[in-house]
């Protein structure tokens, strides 16, 4: 009888602990939305502006998206449509400008169209986030050193707390002064810069970190 009582108490304590852990996780994600920036066909193989590691970053973004969907947290897709003169990708009414199927919006998930690297410029993004009481952003997408960075810095200036999922972002090789700067170097440098001074602009973590609740 005593053993049965001990087993029952142990089970109850474990159950209570699990409830507390789940509550803590939910609390830590309160007022948080996922921002998926420009995960569009032109950045993938066969597109007009292919990135290094786009497929891998897309799969990581998909994992992050599934986490948010599972936990009924807000998801916002940012879709870039190029309107500037001389643009040769993300052109209006083209397949390349469509959101890649790996993160295709569903169940009424918000899609916001932008025309500049900064997702807040001349869009409804800020108004939408404020209407939902969002204070924290988890950011993924492409390109790391252009739209992801400019959006993150703008979000900081607007008072948001930001987290960038490092392996759910991607860019491409660049050229400066006749020398090639590899995409890997750009990734590391820009993410290091944006998380400087104690994660001033953003905290940078991996997909695995997010899934573990870090």
Protein backbone atom coordinates (compact mmCIF):
# COMPACT_ATOMS: atom_id res chain seq x y z
CA UNK A 1 0.00 0.00 0.00
CA UNK A 2 2.86 2.35 0.91
CA UNK A 3 4.59 1.59 -2.38
CA UNK A 4 1.40 2.35 -4.29
CA UNK A 5 1.10 5.66 -2.45
CA UNK A 6 4.73 6.56 -3.26
CA UNK A 7 4.23 5.69 -6.93
CA UNK A 8 1.06 7.80 -7.06
CA UNK A 9 2.80 10.78 -5.44
CA UNK A 10 5.77 10.44 -7.81
CA UNK A 11 3.49 10.39 -10.87
CA UNK A 12 1.65 13.46 -9.60
CA UNK A 13 4.90 15.35 -9.02
CA UNK A 14 6.14 14.49 -12.52
CA UNK A 15 2.83 15.59 -14.01
CA UNK A 16 2.96 18.90 -12.13
CA UNK A 17 6.54 19.45 -13.27
CA UNK A 18 5.56 18.88 -16.90
CA UNK A 19 2.70 21.38 -16.57
CA UNK A 20 5.09 23.97 -15.14
CA UNK A 21 7.65 23.40 -17.91
CA UNK A 22 4.99 23.77 -20.61
CA UNK A 23 3.65 26.91 -18.95
CA UNK A 24 7.13 28.40 -18.78
CA UNK A 25 7.71 27.66 -22.47
CA UNK A 26 4.38 29.18 -23.41
CA UNK A 27 5.09 32.21 -21.24
CA UNK A 28 8.50 32.73 -22.81
CA UNK A 29 6.85 32.90 -26.25
CA UNK A 30 4.04 35.20 -25.18
CA UNK A 31 3.52 38.20 -27.49
CA UNK A 32 5.91 36.61 -30.00
CA UNK A 33 5.51 36.26 -33.77
CA UNK A 34 7.54 34.54 -36.46
CA UNK A 35 8.69 36.75 -39.31
CA UNK A 36 9.66 34.83 -42.47
CA UNK A 37 11.38 37.23 -44.83
CA UNK A 38 11.48 36.69 -48.62
CA UNK A 39 11.67 32.90 -48.77
CA UNK A 40 10.73 33.10 -52.45
CA UNK A 41 11.43 30.95 -55.50
CA UNK A 42 14.03 33.21 -57.14
CA UNK A 43 16.40 32.51 -54.26
CA UNK A 44 16.29 28.74 -54.80
CA UNK A 45 17.88 26.49 -57.42
CA UNK A 46 16.73 27.55 -60.87
CA UNK A 47 15.76 31.02 -59.70
CA UNK A 48 17.13 34.33 -60.93
CA UNK A 49 19.09 35.12 -57.74
CA UNK A 50 20.11 31.80 -56.19
CA UNK A 51 21.63 31.88 -52.74
CA UNK A 52 24.24 29.70 -51.12
CA UNK A 53 22.50 27.21 -48.85
CA UNK A 54 18.98 28.35 -49.72
CA UNK A 55 17.57 24.83 -49.55
CA UNK A 56 19.15 24.13 -46.17
CA UNK A 57 17.98 27.45 -44.74
CA UNK A 58 14.53 26.81 -46.18
CA UNK A 59 14.28 23.47 -44.40
CA UNK A 60 15.33 25.06 -41.11
CA UNK A 61 12.76 27.80 -41.62
CA UNK A 62 10.17 25.10 -42.20
CA UNK A 63 11.06 23.51 -38.84
CA UNK A 64 10.69 26.88 -37.11
CA UNK A 65 7.38 27.42 -38.89
CA UNK A 66 6.09 24.02 -37.77
CA UNK A 67 7.05 24.89 -34.18
CA UNK A 68 5.04 28.12 -34.33
CA UNK A 69 2.07 26.41 -35.93
CA UNK A 70 2.12 23.61 -33.35
CA UNK A 71 2.08 26.17 -30.55
CA UNK A 72 -0.58 28.36 -32.22
CA UNK A 73 1.75 31.34 -32.41
CA UNK A 74 1.42 34.12 -35.03
CA UNK A 75 3.24 33.69 -38.35
CA UNK A 76 3.90 36.49 -40.83
CA UNK A 77 5.33 35.95 -44.30
CA UNK A 78 7.06 38.89 -45.95
CA UNK A 79 6.96 38.82 -49.74
CA UNK A 80 9.15 41.14 -51.79
CA UNK A 81 7.88 42.41 -55.11
CA UNK A 82 10.48 44.38 -57.06
CA UNK A 83 9.25 47.69 -58.46
CA UNK A 84 12.56 49.52 -58.78
CA UNK A 85 13.97 50.25 -62.22
CA UNK A 86 16.41 47.61 -63.45
CA UNK A 87 15.23 44.87 -61.08
CA UNK A 88 15.73 41.39 -62.52
CA UNK A 89 14.24 39.13 -59.84
CA UNK A 90 11.10 39.05 -57.68
CA UNK A 91 9.33 40.68 -60.59
CA UNK A 92 5.54 41.13 -60.36
CA UNK A 93 3.37 38.23 -61.53
CA UNK A 94 6.28 35.80 -61.92
CA UNK A 95 6.80 32.35 -60.44
CA UNK A 96 10.12 33.51 -59.02
CA UNK A 97 8.37 36.07 -56.85
CA UNK A 98 6.05 33.51 -55.26
CA UNK A 99 6.67 32.27 -51.72
CA UNK A 100 8.48 28.93 -51.86
CA UNK A 101 6.30 25.90 -51.17
CA UNK A 102 8.51 24.90 -48.24
CA UNK A 103 6.95 27.70 -46.16
CA UNK A 104 3.71 28.22 -48.07
CA UNK A 105 1.26 30.20 -45.92
CA UNK A 106 -1.90 28.46 -44.79
CA UNK A 107 -4.80 28.77 -42.36
CA UNK A 108 -5.05 32.51 -42.82
CA UNK A 109 -1.40 33.24 -42.01
CA UNK A 110 -0.57 36.85 -42.73
CA UNK A 111 1.32 37.82 -45.90
CA UNK A 112 2.72 41.33 -46.22
CA UNK A 113 4.11 42.63 -49.50
CA UNK A 114 7.10 44.96 -49.42
CA UNK A 115 9.12 46.83 -52.05
CA UNK A 116 12.19 47.75 -49.99
CA UNK A 117 14.71 45.74 -47.92
CA UNK A 118 13.22 47.07 -44.67
CA UNK A 119 9.99 45.16 -44.15
CA UNK A 120 8.50 48.07 -42.20
CA UNK A 121 8.97 50.67 -44.92
CA UNK A 122 5.68 51.60 -46.60
CA UNK A 123 3.95 48.43 -45.37
CA UNK A 124 1.32 47.55 -42.77
CA UNK A 125 3.75 45.45 -40.73
CA UNK A 126 4.11 47.77 -37.73
CA UNK A 127 0.38 48.42 -37.52
CA UNK A 128 -0.36 44.71 -37.78
CA UNK A 129 2.13 43.76 -35.05
CA UNK A 130 0.77 46.45 -32.74
CA UNK A 131 -2.81 45.30 -33.35
CA UNK A 132 -1.82 41.80 -32.22
CA UNK A 133 0.12 43.01 -29.18
CA UNK A 134 3.36 41.56 -30.55
CA UNK A 135 6.51 42.69 -28.75
CA UNK A 136 8.98 39.94 -29.69
CA UNK A 137 10.02 38.82 -33.16
CA UNK A 138 11.65 35.56 -34.21
CA UNK A 139 13.21 36.31 -37.59
CA UNK A 140 14.24 33.99 -40.41
CA UNK A 141 14.66 34.40 -44.14
CA UNK A 142 16.75 35.82 -46.93
CA UNK A 143 19.07 37.61 -47.61
CA UNK A 144 20.88 37.78 -44.29
CA UNK A 145 22.89 40.93 -45.06
CA UNK A 146 20.13 42.82 -46.84
CA UNK A 147 16.45 42.34 -45.96
CA UNK A 148 16.97 40.32 -42.77
CA UNK A 149 19.47 42.79 -41.36
CA UNK A 150 17.62 45.96 -42.37
CA UNK A 151 14.34 44.63 -40.98
CA UNK A 152 15.96 43.56 -37.71
CA UNK A 153 17.63 46.93 -37.14
CA UNK A 154 14.39 48.74 -37.94
CA UNK A 155 12.49 46.46 -35.55
CA UNK A 156 14.94 47.31 -32.77
CA UNK A 157 14.46 51.03 -33.41
CA UNK A 158 10.70 50.48 -33.15
CA UNK A 159 11.05 48.80 -29.76
CA UNK A 160 10.81 45.11 -30.61
CA UNK A 161 12.90 42.37 -29.00
CA UNK A 162 14.46 40.32 -31.78
CA UNK A 163 15.78 36.78 -32.18
CA UNK A 164 17.38 35.68 -35.45
CA UNK A 165 17.51 31.99 -36.30
CA UNK A 166 21.00 31.81 -37.79
CA UNK A 167 20.71 28.59 -39.78
CA UNK A 168 17.30 29.64 -41.12
CA UNK A 169 18.90 32.51 -43.04
CA UNK A 170 21.01 32.58 -46.20
CA UNK A 171 22.87 34.91 -48.55
CA UNK A 172 25.28 34.69 -51.48
CA UNK A 173 28.89 35.51 -52.35
CA UNK A 174 29.68 39.20 -52.75
CA UNK A 175 32.46 41.13 -54.45
CA UNK A 176 34.36 44.07 -52.97
CA UNK A 177 37.43 45.75 -54.46
CA UNK A 178 37.76 42.96 -56.97
CA UNK A 179 37.80 40.23 -54.33
CA UNK A 180 35.12 37.64 -53.58
CA UNK A 181 33.67 37.56 -50.09
CA UNK A 182 32.19 34.13 -49.46
CA UNK A 183 28.59 33.77 -48.29
CA UNK A 184 29.77 31.92 -45.19
CA UNK A 185 31.93 34.89 -44.17
CA UNK A 186 29.08 37.31 -44.77
CA UNK A 187 26.73 35.19 -42.68
CA UNK A 188 29.16 35.03 -39.78
CA UNK A 189 30.10 38.72 -39.93
CA UNK A 190 26.61 40.15 -40.20
CA UNK A 191 25.15 37.90 -37.53
CA UNK A 192 28.07 38.69 -35.23
CA UNK A 193 27.59 42.39 -35.84
CA UNK A 194 23.87 42.45 -35.23
CA UNK A 195 24.24 40.54 -31.95
CA UNK A 196 27.07 42.71 -30.65
CA UNK A 197 26.99 44.71 -27.40
CA UNK A 198 25.05 42.06 -25.52
CA UNK A 199 22.59 41.19 -28.29
CA UNK A 200 21.75 44.85 -28.82
CA UNK A 201 19.83 44.44 -32.09
CA UNK A 202 19.05 40.75 -31.85
CA UNK A 203 19.80 37.53 -30.07
CA UNK A 204 21.20 34.97 -32.52
CA UNK A 205 20.39 31.29 -31.97
CA UNK A 206 20.02 28.12 -34.05
CA UNK A 207 16.89 26.21 -34.97
CA UNK A 208 17.87 23.52 -32.47
CA UNK A 209 18.12 26.16 -29.73
CA UNK A 210 14.61 27.39 -30.46
CA UNK A 211 13.14 23.89 -30.46
CA UNK A 212 14.81 23.24 -27.09
CA UNK A 213 13.19 26.38 -25.68
CA UNK A 214 16.39 28.41 -25.34
